[in-house]
C-alpha atoms as a PDB file:
ATOM      1  CA  MET A   1      -3.038   6.339 -13.835  1.00  0.00           C
ATOM      2  CA  ALA A   2      -2.116   7.936 -10.518  1.00  0.00           C
ATOM      3  CA  LEU A   3       0.868   5.638  -9.996  1.00  0.00           C
ATOM      4  CA  ASN A   4       2.528   6.747 -13.216  1.00  0.00           C
ATOM      5  CA  GLN A   5       2.450  10.452 -12.392  1.00  0.00           C
ATOM      6  CA  GLN A   6       5.704  12.177 -11.486  1.00  0.00           C
ATOM      7  CA  GLU A   7       4.454  13.294  -8.066  1.00  0.00           C
ATOM      8  CA  THR A   8       3.781   9.680  -7.056  1.00  0.00           C
ATOM      9  CA  LYS A   9       7.060   8.405  -8.514  1.00  0.00           C
ATOM     10  CA  THR A  10       8.994  11.104  -6.653  1.00  0.00           C
ATOM     11  CA  PHE A  11       7.287  10.233  -3.354  1.00  0.00           C
ATOM     12  CA  VAL A  12       7.944   6.507  -3.819  1.00  0.00           C
ATOM     13  CA  GLU A  13      11.629   7.088  -4.607  1.00  0.00           C
ATOM     14  CA  ALA A  14      12.130   9.597  -1.783  1.00  0.00           C
ATOM     15  CA  HIS A  15      10.792   7.153   0.802  1.00  0.00           C
ATOM     16  CA  GLY A  16      12.272   3.924  -0.564  1.00  0.00           C
ATOM     17  CA  ILE A  17       8.842   2.385  -1.093  1.00  0.00           C
ATOM     18  CA  GLU A  18       8.635  -0.934  -2.917  1.00  0.00           C
ATOM     19  CA  THR A  19       5.888  -1.199  -5.530  1.00  0.00           C
ATOM     20  CA  LEU A  20       4.306  -4.188  -7.206  1.00  0.00           C
ATOM     21  CA  LYS A  21       1.889  -4.259 -10.088  1.00  0.00           C
ATOM     22  CA  ALA A  22      -0.331  -7.296 -10.542  1.00  0.00           C
ATOM     23  CA  ASP A  23      -1.197  -7.612 -14.228  1.00  0.00           C
ATOM     24  CA  ARG A  24      -4.494  -9.223 -15.238  1.00  0.00           C
ATOM     25  CA  THR A  25      -3.939  -8.933 -18.979  1.00  0.00           C
ATOM     26  CA  TYR A  26      -3.761 -12.712 -19.013  1.00  0.00           C
ATOM     27  CA  ALA A  27      -5.280 -15.235 -16.615  1.00  0.00           C
ATOM     28  CA  ALA A  28      -3.517 -14.958 -13.267  1.00  0.00           C
ATOM     29  CA  PRO A  29      -5.141 -17.084 -10.566  1.00  0.00           C
ATOM     30  CA  GLU A  30      -2.681 -15.838  -7.950  1.00  0.00           C
ATOM     31  CA  VAL A  31      -3.774 -12.248  -8.616  1.00  0.00           C
ATOM     32  CA  ASP A  32      -7.437 -13.237  -8.408  1.00  0.00           C
ATOM     33  CA  GLU A  33      -6.774 -15.010  -5.098  1.00  0.00           C
ATOM     34  CA  LEU A  34      -4.964 -12.000  -3.647  1.00  0.00           C
ATOM     35  CA  LEU A  35      -7.819  -9.702  -4.687  1.00  0.00           C
ATOM     36  CA  ARG A  36     -10.281 -12.028  -2.926  1.00  0.00           C
ATOM     37  CA  ARG A  37      -8.117 -12.146   0.206  1.00  0.00           C
ATOM     38  CA  LEU A  38      -8.022  -8.347   0.246  1.00  0.00           C
ATOM     39  CA  GLY A  39     -11.825  -8.221   0.107  1.00  0.00           C
ATOM     40  CA  ASN A  40     -12.193  -7.419  -3.588  1.00  0.00           C
ATOM     41  CA  THR A  41     -14.502 -10.356  -4.254  1.00  0.00           C
ATOM     42  CA  SER A  42     -15.600  -9.017  -7.628  1.00  0.00           C
ATOM     43  CA  GLY A  43     -11.992  -8.795  -8.824  1.00  0.00           C
ATOM     44  CA  SER A  44     -12.554  -5.254 -10.047  1.00  0.00           C
ATOM     45  CA  ILE A  45      -9.582  -3.255 -11.189  1.00  0.00           C
ATOM     46  CA  PRO A  46      -7.954  -0.890 -10.701  1.00  0.00           C
ATOM     47  CA  PHE A  47      -7.483  -1.827  -7.044  1.00  0.00           C
ATOM     48  CA  TYR A  48      -4.697  -0.585  -4.811  1.00  0.00           C
ATOM     49  CA  ALA A  49      -3.320  -2.030  -1.588  1.00  0.00           C
ATOM     50  CA  VAL A  50      -0.683  -0.219   0.456  1.00  0.00           C
ATOM     51  CA  PHE A  51       0.962  -2.537   2.978  1.00  0.00           C
ATOM     52  CA  PRO A  52       2.410  -0.622   5.952  1.00  0.00           C
ATOM     53  CA  GLY A  53       5.809  -1.931   7.003  1.00  0.00           C
ATOM     54  CA  GLY A  54       4.784  -1.779  10.665  1.00  0.00           C
ATOM     55  CA  ASP A  55       1.511  -3.648  10.134  1.00  0.00           C
ATOM     56  CA  PRO A  56       1.561  -5.467   6.779  1.00  0.00           C
ATOM     57  CA  ASN A  57      -1.447  -7.596   7.701  1.00  0.00           C
ATOM     58  CA  ARG A  58      -3.687  -4.524   7.632  1.00  0.00           C
ATOM     59  CA  PRO A  59      -3.283  -2.970   4.178  1.00  0.00           C
ATOM     60  CA  ILE A  60      -4.801   0.352   3.226  1.00  0.00           C
ATOM     61  CA  LEU A  61      -7.163  -0.347   0.326  1.00  0.00           C
ATOM     62  CA  LEU A  62      -8.224   1.920  -2.523  1.00  0.00           C
ATOM     63  CA  ASP A  63     -10.263   0.931  -5.526  1.00  0.00           C
ATOM     64  CA  GLY A  64     -11.662   2.575  -8.587  1.00  0.00           C
ATOM     65  CA  LEU A  65     -10.142   4.935 -11.068  1.00  0.00           C
ATOM     66  CA  LEU A  66      -7.962   7.497  -9.331  1.00  0.00           C
ATOM     67  CA  THR A  67      -7.627  10.697 -11.322  1.00  0.00           C
ATOM     68  CA  SER A  68      -4.937  12.274  -9.162  1.00  0.00           C
ATOM     69  CA  PRO A  69      -1.997  10.986  -7.141  1.00  0.00           C
ATOM     70  CA  LYS A  70      -3.394  12.478  -3.905  1.00  0.00           C
ATOM     71  CA  PRO A  71      -5.255   9.358  -2.581  1.00  0.00           C
ATOM     72  CA  ILE A  72      -2.246   7.116  -3.247  1.00  0.00           C
ATOM     73  CA  ILE A  73       0.202   9.522  -1.624  1.00  0.00           C
ATOM     74  CA  GLU A  74      -2.094   9.971   1.399  1.00  0.00           C
ATOM     75  CA  ALA A  75      -2.318   6.177   1.794  1.00  0.00           C
ATOM     76  CA  MET A  76       1.467   5.881   1.574  1.00  0.00           C
ATOM     77  CA  LYS A  77       1.900   8.668   4.153  1.00  0.00           C
ATOM     78  CA  LYS A  78      -0.476   6.825   6.475  1.00  0.00           C
ATOM     79  CA  ALA A  79       1.458   3.587   5.939  1.00  0.00           C
ATOM     80  CA  LEU A  80       4.759   5.334   6.684  1.00  0.00           C
ATOM     81  CA  ALA A  81       3.296   6.823   9.873  1.00  0.00           C
ATOM     82  CA  GLN A  82       2.117   3.352  10.964  1.00  0.00           C
ATOM     83  CA  LYS A  83       5.575   1.967  10.269  1.00  0.00           C
ATOM     84  CA  ASP A  84       7.193   4.740  12.312  1.00  0.00           C
ATOM     85  CA  GLU A  85       4.709   4.216  15.154  1.00  0.00           C
ATOM     86  CA  GLY A  86       5.424   0.478  15.140  1.00  0.00           C
ATOM     87  CA  ARG A  87       9.163   1.175  15.241  1.00  0.00           C
ATOM     88  CA  ARG A  88       8.768   3.604  18.184  1.00  0.00           C
ATOM     89  CA  THR A  89       6.642   1.103  20.127  1.00  0.00           C
ATOM     90  CA  LYS A  90       9.186  -1.659  19.524  1.00  0.00           C
ATOM     91  CA  ASP A  91      12.043   0.620  20.617  1.00  0.00           C
ATOM     92  CA  GLU A  92      10.123   1.576  23.769  1.00  0.00           C
ATOM     93  CA  ARG A  93       9.531  -2.103  24.629  1.00  0.00           C
ATOM     94  CA  GLN A  94      13.197  -2.873  24.146  1.00  0.00           C
ATOM     95  CA  SER A  95      14.330   0.041  26.293  1.00  0.00           C
ATOM     96  CA  GLY A  96      11.640  -0.511  28.936  1.00  0.00           C
ATOM     97  CA  THR A  97      10.231   3.023  28.626  1.00  0.00           C
ATOM     98  CA  MET A  98       6.604   2.163  27.951  1.00  0.00           C
END
Protein backbone atom coordinates (compact mmCIF):
# COMPACT_ATOMS: atom_id res chain seq x y z
CA MET A 1 0.00 0.00 0.00
CA ALA A 2 1.29 3.44 -0.94
CA LEU A 3 0.64 4.87 2.52
CA ASN A 4 2.90 2.34 4.20
CA GLN A 5 5.94 3.10 2.06
CA GLN A 6 8.83 4.99 3.62
CA GLU A 7 8.66 7.85 1.11
CA THR A 8 5.05 8.59 2.09
CA LYS A 9 5.74 8.23 5.82
CA THR A 10 8.70 10.61 5.55
CA PHE A 11 6.61 13.20 3.69
CA VAL A 12 3.77 12.96 6.23
CA GLU A 13 6.15 13.37 9.18
CA ALA A 14 8.11 16.22 7.56
CA HIS A 15 4.95 18.25 6.99
CA GLY A 16 3.07 17.41 10.19
CA ILE A 17 0.20 15.82 8.29
CA GLU A 18 -2.48 14.02 10.28
CA THR A 19 -3.60 10.68 8.86
CA LEU A 20 -6.67 8.58 9.51
CA LYS A 21 -7.43 5.09 8.34
CA ALA A 22 -11.04 3.95 8.17
CA ASP A 23 -11.13 0.18 8.61
CA ARG A 24 -13.94 -1.82 6.98
CA THR A 25 -12.82 -5.20 8.31
CA TYR A 26 -16.01 -5.18 10.36
CA ALA A 27 -19.29 -3.39 9.72
CA ALA A 28 -18.75 0.35 10.13
CA PRO A 29 -21.79 2.40 9.12
CA GLU A 30 -19.96 5.66 9.81
CA VAL A 31 -17.26 4.69 7.30
CA ASP A 32 -19.89 3.73 4.72
CA GLU A 33 -21.64 7.08 5.26
CA LEU A 34 -18.41 9.03 4.85
CA LEU A 35 -17.61 7.15 1.63
CA ARG A 36 -21.07 8.04 0.30
CA ARG A 37 -20.64 11.70 1.28
CA LEU A 38 -17.32 11.77 -0.55
CA GLY A 39 -18.99 10.45 -3.70
CA ASN A 40 -17.89 6.82 -3.41
CA THR A 41 -21.42 5.46 -3.65
CA SER A 42 -20.25 1.91 -4.31
CA GLY A 43 -18.15 1.91 -1.13
CA SER A 44 -15.16 0.58 -3.04
CA ILE A 45 -11.83 0.44 -1.29
CA PRO A 46 -9.09 1.42 -1.27
CA PHE A 47 -10.26 5.03 -1.40
CA TYR A 48 -8.22 8.03 -0.34
CA ALA A 49 -9.32 11.52 0.64
CA VAL A 50 -6.83 14.29 1.35
CA PHE A 51 -8.46 17.20 3.18
CA PRO A 52 -6.58 20.48 2.60
CA GLY A 53 -6.27 22.55 5.77
CA GLY A 54 -7.21 25.70 3.85
CA ASP A 55 -10.29 24.16 2.24
CA PRO A 56 -11.31 20.99 4.11
CA ASN A 57 -14.73 20.92 2.45
CA ARG A 58 -13.13 20.15 -0.91
CA PRO A 59 -11.04 17.00 -0.42
CA ILE A 60 -8.73 15.63 -3.07
CA LEU A 61 -10.00 12.13 -3.88
CA LEU A 62 -8.09 9.10 -5.11
CA ASP A 63 -9.44 5.61 -5.48
CA GLY A 64 -8.19 2.26 -6.62
CA LEU A 65 -5.03 0.39 -5.88
CA LEU A 66 -2.05 2.73 -5.85
CA THR A 67 1.19 0.95 -6.64
CA SER A 68 3.49 3.85 -5.80
CA PRO A 69 3.45 6.69 -3.29
CA LYS A 70 3.56 9.33 -6.06
CA PRO A 71 -0.23 9.99 -6.39
CA ILE A 72 -0.64 10.30 -2.61
CA ILE A 73 2.35 12.62 -2.24
CA GLU A 74 1.17 14.77 -5.17
CA ALA A 75 -2.29 15.06 -3.56
CA MET A 76 -0.71 16.04 -0.25
CA LYS A 77 1.50 18.63 -1.99
CA LYS A 78 -1.59 20.09 -3.64
CA ALA A 79 -3.39 20.18 -0.29
CA LEU A 80 -0.43 21.93 1.35
CA ALA A 81 -0.34 24.50 -1.46
CA GLN A 82 -4.08 25.16 -0.99
CA LYS A 83 -3.53 25.58 2.73
CA ASP A 84 -0.68 28.03 2.12
CA GLU A 85 -2.77 29.95 -0.43
CA GLY A 86 -5.66 30.16 2.04
CA ARG A 87 -3.30 31.43 4.73
CA ARG A 88 -1.85 34.10 2.39
CA THR A 89 -5.34 35.27 1.37
CA LYS A 90 -6.42 35.50 5.01
CA ASP A 91 -3.27 37.44 5.92
CA GLU A 92 -3.85 39.83 3.01
CA ARG A 93 -7.45 40.45 4.13
CA GLN A 94 -6.30 41.14 7.66
CA SER A 95 -3.58 43.54 6.55
CA GLY A 96 -5.76 45.20 3.90
CA THR A 97 -3.32 44.47 1.05
CA MET A 98 -5.68 42.69 -1.31
